[in-house]
Amino acid sequence: MDINRYSPSYGVSKKHMLRLKDFSTEELFEFLYATKAMKAKFIAHESTEILKGVTVALLFGDTSIRTRAALEIGIRQLGGYCVNLPYNEKDMLAGENIKDIVSVISRYGAGALVTRGINDRELQEFCKVSDDVSIINSTNREYIPVQALCDIFTIWEKKGRLEGLKLAYIGKGGNNAASLIMGGIKCGMEISVAMPKEFPIYPDHVQHAEQYGKIFVTENPVEAVRGADIVYTDNYGYHNPPSEADKEILKPYQVNNNLLNIAQHNALFMHSLPATRGLEVTADVIDGKQSVILDQGENKLHTIKAVLALLIK
């Protein structure tokens, strides 16, 4: 389906966002068009107080910089309020109960609970007991749906289309790879993935993607990048830096100019940040003219606003 021929309604029926796997192509397009609208209003300095009087709770189990900043700033720009709730595994072990947490937050009048670092199983439990509060997974070990939407929007913005583009993902098969593959292939992109056998993408992610389009998985980064319109890599270990042995395994997957030159001449380079220059990518690539990392960072604000606006009922 061609996104440029789609007519958005600016609405989705779902209340929660745990992973892009749960959304149809049309629903993903709704988020992308809403992101486009939010950015246009931001550039025009137009007020968008869709969440006027609404409180959004942030339940973060690990640290962040850009995600927290985008959320807090975005919520305020939408006219809402933000409250930070620390999440600690010790609290859960001490007797905290998911149902009690969600029920009490609901009674406080919160419209959404945005989480980070909480595993997929627990998030499923949050959704089961949440009648009024939208549960939004900003990031966990399994998925990072908001970032993937932000990246797909950036690709659409820069390339003017999504259908028929080739996205090459190079490196470790983590949450970023899973979410980009799920979202990208549903939006009409061809996906190629190059990862060492020691850090593979989960087979169920590949099987899911194969239901919607073309995906090519290899251990050879050159094969994956050849002819790509977008070359994407990610940090090898945000909270847990890779060992020296892991660095050696991942060394052939570094995105450098030699690898980038195998892609299309006007290929975009993408990275969700934070980046370790000299490890997963060289400085001349990530700071070069083909890099759109700052656009990705900016668009996270608009994507977060779009997700909140469409999910909070």
Protein backbone atom coordinates (compact mmCIF):
# COMPACT_ATOMS: atom_id res chain seq x y z
CA MET A 1 0.00 0.00 0.00
CA ASP A 2 1.30 3.44 -0.99
CA ILE A 3 1.25 5.84 1.95
CA ASN A 4 0.97 8.80 -0.42
CA ARG A 5 -2.36 7.48 -1.71
CA TYR A 6 -3.75 6.89 1.77
CA SER A 7 -6.39 9.22 3.20
CA PRO A 8 -5.99 9.44 7.00
CA SER A 9 -8.87 9.69 9.44
CA TYR A 10 -6.54 10.71 12.30
CA GLY A 11 -7.84 8.02 14.59
CA VAL A 12 -7.12 4.45 15.69
CA SER A 13 -9.34 2.06 17.61
CA LYS A 14 -6.58 0.62 19.77
CA LYS A 15 -5.81 2.05 23.20
CA HIS A 16 -2.36 0.60 23.93
CA MET A 17 0.98 0.43 22.11
CA LEU A 18 3.35 -2.33 23.16
CA ARG A 19 4.74 -3.28 19.75
CA LEU A 20 4.16 -2.43 16.09
CA LYS A 21 3.36 -6.08 15.43
CA ASP A 22 -0.12 -5.39 16.82
CA PHE A 23 -0.99 -2.68 14.28
CA SER A 24 -2.19 -2.91 10.69
CA THR A 25 -0.61 -0.99 7.82
CA GLU A 26 -3.50 1.48 7.88
CA GLU A 27 -3.04 2.09 11.60
CA LEU A 28 0.68 2.71 11.14
CA PHE A 29 -0.15 5.21 8.40
CA GLU A 30 -2.48 7.00 10.82
CA PHE A 31 0.40 7.49 13.26
CA LEU A 32 2.69 8.67 10.46
CA TYR A 33 0.18 11.20 9.13
CA ALA A 34 -0.50 12.41 12.66
CA THR A 35 3.26 12.87 13.13
CA LYS A 36 3.38 14.90 9.92
CA ALA A 37 0.52 17.09 11.17
CA MET A 38 2.15 17.58 14.58
CA LYS A 39 5.42 18.64 12.96
CA ALA A 40 3.66 21.08 10.62
CA LYS A 41 1.91 22.72 13.57
CA PHE A 42 5.18 22.86 15.51
CA ILE A 43 6.97 24.57 12.62
CA ALA A 44 4.08 27.03 12.20
CA HIS A 45 4.06 27.74 15.96
CA GLU A 46 0.42 26.68 16.15
CA SER A 47 -1.00 25.64 19.51
CA THR A 48 -2.09 22.00 19.71
CA GLU A 49 -3.61 21.49 23.15
CA ILE A 50 -5.16 18.10 22.43
CA LEU A 51 -4.21 16.88 25.91
CA LYS A 52 -5.34 19.98 27.78
CA GLY A 53 -5.88 18.97 31.39
CA VAL A 54 -4.67 15.39 30.84
CA THR A 55 -1.97 13.88 33.05
CA VAL A 56 0.49 11.38 31.58
CA ALA A 57 2.48 9.22 33.99
CA LEU A 58 5.99 8.04 33.10
CA LEU A 59 7.01 4.73 34.67
CA PHE A 60 10.67 4.28 33.81
CA GLY A 61 12.70 1.27 34.84
CA ASP A 62 15.95 2.60 33.36
CA THR A 63 17.53 5.90 32.39
CA SER A 64 17.11 7.90 29.20
CA ILE A 65 17.81 11.37 27.86
CA ARG A 66 16.14 11.97 24.49
CA THR A 67 13.06 9.84 25.17
CA ARG A 68 12.33 11.48 28.51
CA ALA A 69 12.99 14.95 27.09
CA ALA A 70 10.73 14.35 24.09
CA LEU A 71 7.97 13.00 26.30
CA GLU A 72 8.04 15.76 28.89
CA ILE A 73 8.34 18.54 26.31
CA GLY A 74 5.78 16.93 23.99
CA ILE A 75 3.19 16.46 26.74
CA ARG A 76 3.52 20.11 27.74
CA GLN A 77 3.23 21.24 24.12
CA LEU A 78 -0.04 19.30 23.90
CA GLY A 79 -1.33 21.08 26.99
CA GLY A 80 -0.99 18.10 29.31
CA TYR A 81 0.84 17.41 32.53
CA CYS A 82 3.60 14.93 33.20
CA VAL A 83 4.45 13.05 36.39
CA ASN A 84 7.47 10.81 36.85
CA LEU A 85 7.09 7.49 38.69
CA PRO A 86 10.23 5.51 39.55
CA TYR A 87 10.03 1.80 38.79
CA ASN A 88 12.20 -0.67 40.63
CA GLU A 89 12.22 -4.45 40.54
CA LYS A 90 12.70 -4.40 44.31
CA ASP A 91 9.29 -2.73 44.64
CA MET A 92 7.68 -5.54 42.70
CA LEU A 93 9.47 -8.18 44.75
CA ALA A 94 8.38 -6.38 47.91
CA GLY A 95 4.72 -6.90 47.05
CA GLU A 96 3.75 -4.20 44.55
CA ASN A 97 1.01 -5.46 42.25
CA ILE A 98 0.53 -4.47 38.61
CA LYS A 99 -3.24 -4.35 38.94
CA ASP A 100 -2.99 -2.10 42.00
CA ILE A 101 -0.53 0.24 40.29
CA VAL A 102 -2.69 0.71 37.19
CA SER A 103 -5.95 0.96 39.13
CA VAL A 104 -4.67 3.65 41.48
CA ILE A 105 -3.06 5.66 38.66
CA SER A 106 -6.39 5.47 36.82
CA ARG A 107 -8.20 6.86 39.86
CA TYR A 108 -5.73 9.72 39.92
CA GLY A 109 -7.10 10.67 36.49
CA ALA A 110 -4.05 9.79 34.36
CA GLY A 111 -4.82 9.35 30.68
CA ALA A 112 -1.76 7.28 29.83
CA LEU A 113 1.07 5.35 31.42
CA VAL A 114 4.25 5.51 29.34
CA THR A 115 6.77 2.85 30.35
CA ARG A 116 10.43 2.17 29.75
CA GLY A 117 12.48 -0.88 30.64
CA ILE A 118 9.50 -3.06 31.65
CA ASN A 119 9.39 -6.49 30.04
CA ASP A 120 6.74 -7.54 27.53
CA ARG A 121 5.11 -10.08 29.86
CA GLU A 122 4.49 -7.48 32.56
CA LEU A 123 3.24 -4.96 30.00
CA GLN A 124 0.68 -7.49 28.79
CA GLU A 125 -0.54 -7.71 32.39
CA PHE A 126 -0.72 -3.91 32.59
CA CYS A 127 -2.98 -3.88 29.52
CA LYS A 128 -5.26 -6.62 30.86
CA VAL A 129 -6.11 -4.63 33.97
CA SER A 130 -6.17 -1.18 32.37
CA ASP A 131 -9.72 -0.09 31.56
CA ASP A 132 -9.13 3.66 31.33
CA VAL A 133 -5.39 4.25 31.03
CA SER A 134 -3.48 3.82 27.76
CA ILE A 135 -0.29 1.77 28.19
CA ILE A 136 2.52 2.90 25.89
CA ASN A 137 5.84 1.08 25.74
CA SER A 138 8.50 3.64 24.85
CA THR A 139 11.32 1.08 25.08
CA ASN A 140 12.04 -2.33 26.55
CA ARG A 141 14.36 -5.22 25.80
CA GLU A 142 11.94 -6.72 23.29
CA TYR A 143 10.51 -3.73 21.38
CA ILE A 144 10.92 0.00 20.78
CA PRO A 145 7.81 0.92 18.77
CA VAL A 146 7.82 4.72 19.10
CA GLN A 147 11.42 4.95 17.86
CA ALA A 148 10.59 2.74 14.87
CA LEU A 149 7.62 4.96 13.97
CA CYS A 150 9.86 8.01 14.27
CA ASP A 151 12.43 6.42 11.95
CA ILE A 152 9.85 5.35 9.38
CA PHE A 153 8.42 8.87 9.40
CA THR A 154 11.93 10.29 8.87
CA ILE A 155 12.42 7.98 5.89
CA TRP A 156 9.08 9.09 4.40
CA GLU A 157 9.99 12.74 5.00
CA LYS A 158 13.41 12.41 3.36
CA LYS A 159 12.58 10.03 0.51
CA GLY A 160 9.02 11.11 -0.21
CA ARG A 161 7.79 7.53 -0.19
CA LEU A 162 8.04 4.22 1.65
CA GLU A 163 6.79 1.61 -0.77
CA GLY A 164 9.59 -0.07 -2.69
CA LEU A 165 12.47 1.34 -0.63
CA LYS A 166 15.14 -1.02 0.68
CA LEU A 167 16.13 -0.74 4.35
CA ALA A 168 19.32 -2.51 5.44
CA TYR A 169 19.76 -3.11 9.17
CA ILE A 170 23.32 -3.96 10.25
CA GLY A 171 24.53 -5.16 13.65
CA LYS A 172 22.80 -6.81 16.61
CA GLY A 173 19.34 -8.32 16.47
CA GLY A 174 17.81 -6.37 19.32
CA ASN A 175 14.62 -4.41 19.97
CA ASN A 176 15.37 -1.76 17.36
CA ALA A 177 15.80 -4.33 14.62
CA ALA A 178 12.60 -6.14 15.62
CA SER A 179 10.48 -2.98 15.64
CA LEU A 180 11.92 -1.50 12.43
CA ILE A 181 11.40 -4.76 10.59
CA MET A 182 7.81 -5.08 11.79
CA GLY A 183 6.94 -1.49 10.95
CA GLY A 184 8.99 -1.09 7.80
CA ILE A 185 7.75 -4.16 6.00
CA LYS A 186 4.10 -3.33 6.78
CA CYS A 187 4.69 0.10 5.23
CA GLY A 188 5.89 -1.46 1.97
CA MET A 189 9.65 -1.48 2.40
CA GLU A 190 11.96 -4.32 1.50
CA ILE A 191 14.10 -5.33 4.49
CA SER A 192 17.58 -6.81 4.57
CA VAL A 193 19.28 -7.72 7.83
CA ALA A 194 22.96 -8.55 8.44
CA MET A 195 23.87 -9.89 11.86
CA PRO A 196 26.43 -12.33 13.27
CA LYS A 197 25.09 -15.70 14.34
CA GLU A 198 26.01 -14.81 17.92
CA PHE A 199 23.50 -11.91 17.91
CA PRO A 200 20.63 -13.04 15.68
CA ILE A 201 17.20 -11.60 15.27
CA TYR A 202 14.53 -13.83 16.79
CA PRO A 203 13.04 -16.24 14.23
CA ASP A 204 9.47 -15.26 15.15
CA HIS A 205 10.20 -11.66 14.12
CA VAL A 206 11.38 -12.88 10.71
CA GLN A 207 8.39 -15.19 10.35
CA HIS A 208 6.03 -12.34 11.18
CA ALA A 209 7.71 -10.04 8.65
CA GLU A 210 7.53 -12.68 5.91
CA GLN A 211 3.73 -12.54 6.11
CA TYR A 212 3.78 -8.94 4.87
CA GLY A 213 6.67 -8.60 2.45
CA LYS A 214 10.21 -9.38 1.47
CA ILE A 215 12.90 -9.86 4.11
CA PHE A 216 16.45 -11.08 3.53
CA VAL A 217 18.59 -12.26 6.46
CA THR A 218 22.34 -12.85 6.13
CA GLU A 219 25.58 -12.77 8.09
CA ASN A 220 27.22 -10.78 5.29
CA PRO A 221 26.83 -6.99 5.66
CA VAL A 222 27.92 -6.35 2.07
CA GLU A 223 25.08 -8.50 0.75
CA ALA A 224 22.57 -6.73 2.97
CA VAL A 225 23.66 -3.19 2.09
CA ARG A 226 23.95 -3.64 -1.68
CA GLY A 227 21.41 -1.34 -3.34
CA ALA A 228 19.92 -0.15 -0.04
CA ASP A 229 18.16 3.20 0.21
CA ILE A 230 18.63 3.30 3.99
CA VAL A 231 21.47 1.87 6.06
CA TYR A 232 20.65 1.57 9.77
CA THR A 233 22.69 0.46 12.75
CA ASP A 234 22.29 0.74 16.51
CA ASN A 235 24.31 0.96 19.69
CA TYR A 236 25.81 -2.40 20.65
CA GLY A 237 25.03 -2.01 24.34
CA TYR A 238 23.38 1.10 25.78
CA HIS A 239 23.31 0.02 29.44
CA ASN A 240 25.64 -3.00 29.07
CA PRO A 241 28.73 -2.18 26.97
CA PRO A 242 29.96 -5.08 24.80
CA SER A 243 32.90 -7.18 25.94
CA GLU A 244 36.14 -7.21 23.96
CA ALA A 245 35.16 -10.60 22.54
CA ASP A 246 31.80 -9.23 21.40
CA LYS A 247 33.50 -6.23 19.80
CA GLU A 248 35.60 -8.60 17.70
CA ILE A 249 32.52 -10.52 16.59
CA LEU A 250 30.75 -7.29 15.63
CA LYS A 251 33.76 -5.59 14.03
CA PRO A 252 32.87 -6.65 10.43
CA TYR A 253 29.45 -5.04 10.89
CA GLN A 254 30.74 -1.54 11.51
CA VAL A 255 29.11 0.97 9.14
CA ASN A 256 31.97 2.85 7.49
CA ASN A 257 32.31 4.63 4.16
CA ASN A 258 33.40 1.45 2.39
CA LEU A 259 30.19 -0.27 3.42
CA LEU A 260 27.96 2.77 2.88
CA ASN A 261 29.32 3.19 -0.66
CA ILE A 262 27.86 -0.20 -1.58
CA ALA A 263 24.38 1.20 -0.96
CA GLN A 264 22.61 3.62 -3.28
CA HIS A 265 24.56 6.82 -3.87
CA ASN A 266 21.91 8.84 -2.03
CA ALA A 267 21.31 6.32 0.76
CA LEU A 268 20.41 7.65 4.20
CA PHE A 269 22.40 6.64 7.25
CA MET A 270 20.31 6.19 10.39
CA HIS A 271 21.04 5.54 14.06
CA SER A 272 18.65 5.96 16.99
CA LEU A 273 21.37 7.21 19.40
CA PRO A 274 23.29 7.10 21.62
CA ALA A 275 26.10 6.16 19.26
CA THR A 276 29.64 5.00 19.95
CA ARG A 277 31.73 6.51 17.19
CA GLY A 278 34.46 4.13 16.13
CA LEU A 279 32.50 1.04 17.23
CA GLU A 280 29.23 0.37 15.37
CA VAL A 281 29.78 3.36 13.06
CA THR A 282 32.67 5.60 12.09
CA ALA A 283 32.59 9.31 12.87
CA ASP A 284 32.81 10.33 9.19
CA VAL A 285 29.61 8.38 8.43
CA ILE A 286 27.46 9.39 11.39
CA ASP A 287 28.56 13.03 11.11
CA GLY A 288 28.55 12.99 7.31
CA LYS A 289 26.15 14.41 4.75
CA GLN A 290 24.16 11.18 4.38
CA SER A 291 23.41 10.96 8.10
CA VAL A 292 19.93 11.98 9.29
CA ILE A 293 20.40 11.24 12.99
CA LEU A 294 19.47 14.76 14.08
CA ASP A 295 16.28 14.61 12.03
CA GLN A 296 15.46 11.33 13.77
CA GLY A 297 16.08 12.95 17.13
CA GLU A 298 13.85 15.91 16.28
CA ASN A 299 11.09 13.72 14.86
CA LYS A 300 10.88 11.69 18.05
CA LEU A 301 9.15 14.68 19.65
CA HIS A 302 6.49 14.84 16.95
CA THR A 303 5.99 11.07 16.85
CA ILE A 304 5.51 10.88 20.61
CA LYS A 305 2.93 13.65 20.41
CA ALA A 306 1.12 11.81 17.61
CA VAL A 307 1.05 8.53 19.55
CA LEU A 308 -0.30 10.22 22.67
CA ALA A 309 -2.91 12.17 20.70
CA LEU A 310 -4.26 9.08 18.92
CA LEU A 311 -4.18 6.61 21.84
CA ILE A 312 -5.48 8.65 24.75
CA LYS A 313 -9.26 8.42 24.60
